[in-house]
């Protein structure tokens, strides 16, 4: 692997315990079989909860910030073909990617085969690149939290986690009525989330679940509340919203 990329990743390795392996460095950034639209969708769903990548709109903080990781090497003239090879190698060898500061590790088999190559191709074409995705890439993933406000019905207020794996709920707004309420969240993403609410003397939260439906009860007064995920880093990445109770 060329030293310009090795140096910044050596620093990253010291901070996170990453071991960088070079693979496929001679391939084109986007091969004839690579689909970067599919790669973006998979990256957001499978990787975005842990990694920041500006063009993908992800803000995960458990793993390395992929824009920052490659910025200096790319500025020094390193090719994006090498970035693709490094990312693909990381996907193939997750046992070498333990984050020592958090104790977490990228799970094996997160994406495989052509899916892994698609993800690597998307990251390689997007990392530390100014601007926003255009064309089919721009509409490949729905904006996080862009759904209609959640509305309490029959004493139940359901605010679901983003099913695509983004660090967001399906909405950033909710409306309820004063009195007892059951707070409910369905999470189909596989990324652990919960639903917490705070404000006006109320602090309540559901259990954390990587997959399934959870709930808790609270009594609400008229006013404004914040709902959010308590999993470390998720609220900071934007997994929160406002509940208005009348």
Protein backbone atom coordinates (compact mmCIF):
# COMPACT_ATOMS: atom_id res chain seq x y z
CA UNK A 1 0.00 0.00 0.00
CA UNK A 2 1.42 3.44 -0.89
CA UNK A 3 2.85 5.30 2.08
CA UNK A 4 0.69 8.42 1.64
CA UNK A 5 -2.35 6.38 2.61
CA UNK A 6 -0.51 4.27 5.12
CA UNK A 7 0.58 7.25 7.22
CA UNK A 8 -2.86 8.68 8.02
CA UNK A 9 -4.24 5.22 8.60
CA UNK A 10 -1.35 4.41 10.91
CA UNK A 11 -2.47 7.35 13.05
CA UNK A 12 -6.04 6.15 12.85
CA UNK A 13 -4.97 2.67 13.85
CA UNK A 14 -3.26 4.03 16.94
CA UNK A 15 -6.50 5.70 18.00
CA UNK A 16 -8.98 2.97 17.10
CA UNK A 17 -7.05 -0.29 16.88
CA UNK A 18 -7.62 -0.59 13.15
CA UNK A 19 -5.34 -2.79 11.13
CA UNK A 20 -5.35 -1.65 7.51
CA UNK A 21 -4.93 -4.21 4.77
CA UNK A 22 -4.39 -3.33 1.13
CA UNK A 23 -6.48 -5.26 -1.37
CA UNK A 24 -7.58 -4.60 -4.91
CA UNK A 25 -5.55 -1.38 -5.10
CA UNK A 26 -5.11 -1.78 -8.81
CA UNK A 27 -8.84 -1.96 -9.59
CA UNK A 28 -10.81 0.91 -11.11
CA UNK A 29 -12.61 3.07 -8.57
CA UNK A 30 -15.91 1.88 -10.04
CA UNK A 31 -15.64 -1.44 -11.83
CA UNK A 32 -17.97 -2.53 -14.62
CA UNK A 33 -20.04 -4.57 -12.16
CA UNK A 34 -20.05 -2.03 -9.31
CA UNK A 35 -23.27 -0.20 -8.52
CA UNK A 36 -22.63 2.89 -6.40
CA UNK A 37 -26.36 3.53 -5.93
CA UNK A 38 -26.70 0.11 -4.32
CA UNK A 39 -23.46 0.81 -2.47
CA UNK A 40 -24.88 4.00 -0.96
CA UNK A 41 -28.07 2.28 0.15
CA UNK A 42 -26.12 -0.54 1.77
CA UNK A 43 -23.63 1.82 3.37
CA UNK A 44 -26.37 3.89 5.00
CA UNK A 45 -28.27 0.81 6.17
CA UNK A 46 -25.32 -1.28 7.32
CA UNK A 47 -22.49 1.13 8.12
CA UNK A 48 -23.93 4.59 8.74
CA UNK A 49 -24.76 3.94 12.38
CA UNK A 50 -21.03 3.62 13.09
CA UNK A 51 -19.33 5.84 10.49
CA UNK A 52 -19.54 9.45 9.37
CA UNK A 53 -19.60 10.01 5.61
CA UNK A 54 -20.88 13.45 4.63
CA UNK A 55 -22.20 12.60 1.16
CA UNK A 56 -24.15 9.68 2.58
CA UNK A 57 -25.57 11.90 5.32
CA UNK A 58 -24.39 9.54 8.05
CA UNK A 59 -23.01 10.73 11.39
CA UNK A 60 -22.07 7.57 13.27
CA UNK A 61 -19.28 7.99 15.80
CA UNK A 62 -18.52 4.44 16.98
CA UNK A 63 -16.12 3.79 14.10
CA UNK A 64 -13.75 6.06 12.16
CA UNK A 65 -14.96 9.17 10.35
CA UNK A 66 -14.34 8.06 6.77
CA UNK A 67 -14.05 11.60 5.39
CA UNK A 68 -11.36 12.47 7.92
CA UNK A 69 -9.62 9.12 7.54
CA UNK A 70 -8.85 9.61 3.86
CA UNK A 71 -8.71 13.42 3.61
CA UNK A 72 -4.96 13.98 3.88
CA UNK A 73 -4.00 11.02 1.71
CA UNK A 74 -6.33 12.17 -1.05
CA UNK A 75 -5.04 15.74 -0.74
CA UNK A 76 -1.51 14.37 -1.12
CA UNK A 77 -2.49 12.77 -4.41
CA UNK A 78 -3.38 9.23 -3.37
CA UNK A 79 -5.81 7.61 -5.80
CA UNK A 80 -9.37 6.67 -4.96
CA UNK A 81 -8.64 3.21 -6.39
CA UNK A 82 -6.46 2.63 -3.33
CA UNK A 83 -9.19 3.92 -1.03
CA UNK A 84 -11.54 1.39 -2.58
CA UNK A 85 -9.05 -1.39 -1.94
CA UNK A 86 -8.56 -0.39 1.68
CA UNK A 87 -12.29 -0.15 2.38
CA UNK A 88 -12.96 -3.48 0.68
CA UNK A 89 -10.21 -5.12 2.73
CA UNK A 90 -11.68 -3.72 5.95
CA UNK A 91 -15.06 -5.17 5.07
CA UNK A 92 -13.51 -8.57 4.34
CA UNK A 93 -11.41 -8.67 7.53
CA UNK A 94 -13.60 -7.25 10.33
CA UNK A 95 -11.71 -9.21 12.99
CA UNK A 96 -8.88 -6.72 12.50
CA UNK A 97 -11.11 -3.67 12.99
CA UNK A 98 -11.82 -3.64 16.72
CA UNK A 99 -12.30 -0.17 18.15
CA UNK A 100 -10.32 -0.32 21.37
CA UNK A 101 -11.83 2.86 22.80
CA UNK A 102 -15.39 1.55 22.70
CA UNK A 103 -14.77 -2.21 22.75
CA UNK A 104 -16.94 -2.64 19.66
CA UNK A 105 -16.03 -4.54 16.55
CA UNK A 106 -17.39 -4.53 13.04
CA UNK A 107 -19.45 -7.74 12.73
CA UNK A 108 -18.40 -10.36 10.18
CA UNK A 109 -20.49 -10.79 7.07
CA UNK A 110 -21.96 -7.29 7.24
CA UNK A 111 -21.93 -7.19 3.44
CA UNK A 112 -20.51 -9.83 1.15
CA UNK A 113 -19.50 -10.48 -2.44
CA UNK A 114 -20.63 -7.83 -4.92
CA UNK A 115 -22.42 -5.94 -2.14
CA UNK A 116 -19.08 -5.42 -0.42
CA UNK A 117 -17.53 -4.19 -3.65
CA UNK A 118 -20.47 -1.81 -4.19
CA UNK A 119 -20.04 -0.32 -0.72
CA UNK A 120 -16.29 0.05 -1.19
CA UNK A 121 -16.83 1.74 -4.57
CA UNK A 122 -19.31 4.22 -3.10
CA UNK A 123 -17.09 5.10 -0.16
CA UNK A 124 -14.09 5.49 -2.47
CA UNK A 125 -15.93 7.89 -4.77
CA UNK A 126 -17.46 9.88 -1.90
CA UNK A 127 -14.94 10.12 0.95
CA UNK A 128 -13.80 13.68 1.64
CA UNK A 129 -15.40 14.97 -1.56
CA UNK A 130 -17.03 18.44 -1.33
CA UNK A 131 -20.64 18.97 -2.33
CA UNK A 132 -23.58 16.59 -2.41
CA UNK A 133 -24.51 13.51 -4.38
CA UNK A 134 -26.41 14.17 -7.60
CA UNK A 135 -28.58 12.24 -10.00
CA UNK A 136 -29.68 8.78 -8.89
CA UNK A 137 -27.36 8.94 -5.90
CA UNK A 138 -29.16 12.01 -4.55
CA UNK A 139 -32.46 10.13 -4.31
CA UNK A 140 -31.05 6.72 -3.39
CA UNK A 141 -31.77 7.17 0.33
CA UNK A 142 -34.74 8.99 1.80
CA UNK A 143 -33.85 11.94 4.03
CA UNK A 144 -33.68 10.87 7.67
CA UNK A 145 -36.62 11.96 9.82
CA UNK A 146 -38.56 13.35 6.88
CA UNK A 147 -41.85 11.57 7.60
CA UNK A 148 -45.13 13.07 8.76
CA UNK A 149 -45.49 13.97 12.46
CA UNK A 150 -46.38 11.06 14.73
CA UNK A 151 -49.83 11.53 16.30
CA UNK A 152 -51.11 9.92 19.48
CA UNK A 153 -54.00 7.58 18.87
CA UNK A 154 -56.04 5.93 21.60
CA UNK A 155 -53.46 6.75 24.25
CA UNK A 156 -50.57 5.31 22.20
CA UNK A 157 -47.83 7.45 20.68
CA UNK A 158 -45.70 5.43 18.26
CA UNK A 159 -42.43 6.88 16.98
CA UNK A 160 -40.47 4.31 14.99
CA UNK A 161 -36.75 4.10 14.30
CA UNK A 162 -35.65 4.64 10.72
CA UNK A 163 -36.03 1.22 9.06
CA UNK A 164 -33.10 1.86 6.73
CA UNK A 165 -30.55 2.03 9.53
CA UNK A 166 -30.03 5.80 9.69
CA UNK A 167 -29.54 7.38 13.10
CA UNK A 168 -32.99 8.91 13.09
CA UNK A 169 -36.62 8.25 13.79
CA UNK A 170 -39.08 8.23 10.92
CA UNK A 171 -40.13 11.73 11.99
CA UNK A 172 -38.74 14.67 13.94
CA UNK A 173 -42.12 15.86 15.18
CA UNK A 174 -44.89 14.33 17.26
CA UNK A 175 -48.20 15.52 18.72
CA UNK A 176 -50.03 14.23 21.79
CA UNK A 177 -52.67 15.04 24.36
CA UNK A 178 -52.23 15.53 28.10
CA UNK A 179 -52.70 12.46 30.28
CA UNK A 180 -51.45 8.87 30.40
CA UNK A 181 -49.73 7.65 27.26
CA UNK A 182 -47.95 4.54 26.04
CA UNK A 183 -44.74 5.42 24.19
CA UNK A 184 -44.01 2.80 21.54
CA UNK A 185 -41.18 2.25 19.08
CA UNK A 186 -40.65 -0.36 16.38
CA UNK A 187 -37.07 -0.86 15.21
CA UNK A 188 -36.53 -2.99 12.11
CA UNK A 189 -33.01 -1.78 11.35
CA UNK A 190 -30.86 -4.13 13.43
CA UNK A 191 -29.07 -1.13 14.98
CA UNK A 192 -29.85 -0.84 18.72
CA UNK A 193 -32.21 2.04 19.57
CA UNK A 194 -34.64 3.13 22.24
CA UNK A 195 -37.20 5.93 22.61
CA UNK A 196 -36.80 8.36 25.49
CA UNK A 197 -38.80 11.46 26.35
CA UNK A 198 -37.81 14.36 28.58
CA UNK A 199 -39.38 17.65 29.64
CA UNK A 200 -41.83 19.18 32.10
CA UNK A 201 -40.63 16.88 34.87
CA UNK A 202 -41.09 13.74 32.76
CA UNK A 203 -38.25 11.32 32.05
CA UNK A 204 -39.22 8.00 30.52
CA UNK A 205 -37.66 5.57 28.07
CA UNK A 206 -38.27 2.23 26.45
CA UNK A 207 -35.78 -0.65 26.63
CA UNK A 208 -33.07 -0.68 23.97
CA UNK A 209 -33.66 -3.13 21.15
CA UNK A 210 -31.70 -3.96 17.98
CA UNK A 211 -34.84 -5.36 16.38
CA UNK A 212 -38.43 -5.48 17.54
CA UNK A 213 -41.04 -3.33 19.29
CA UNK A 214 -40.65 -1.83 22.75
CA UNK A 215 -42.80 0.46 24.88
CA UNK A 216 -43.11 2.31 28.17
CA UNK A 217 -45.71 4.45 29.92
CA UNK A 218 -45.72 8.10 30.96
CA UNK A 219 -48.12 10.81 32.04
CA UNK A 220 -47.78 13.99 30.03
CA UNK A 221 -48.71 17.57 30.81
CA UNK A 222 -49.35 20.26 28.20
CA UNK A 223 -46.07 21.62 26.87
CA UNK A 224 -43.05 20.77 24.74
CA UNK A 225 -40.88 17.68 25.15
CA UNK A 226 -37.82 16.21 23.46
CA UNK A 227 -37.80 12.62 22.29
CA UNK A 228 -34.47 10.96 21.55
CA UNK A 229 -32.36 7.79 21.51
CA UNK A 230 -30.13 7.25 24.55
CA UNK A 231 -27.65 4.90 22.81
CA UNK A 232 -24.29 6.74 22.99
CA UNK A 233 -23.72 8.98 19.98
CA UNK A 234 -27.18 8.55 18.45
CA UNK A 235 -28.81 11.71 19.80
CA UNK A 236 -25.71 13.72 18.94
CA UNK A 237 -25.96 12.38 15.38
CA UNK A 238 -29.50 13.72 15.08
CA UNK A 239 -31.74 10.96 16.44
CA UNK A 240 -34.13 13.29 18.24
CA UNK A 241 -37.27 15.35 17.76
CA UNK A 242 -39.91 17.53 19.40
CA UNK A 243 -43.17 16.36 20.98
CA UNK A 244 -45.93 18.95 21.46
CA UNK A 245 -48.61 18.06 24.01
CA UNK A 246 -51.90 19.98 24.25
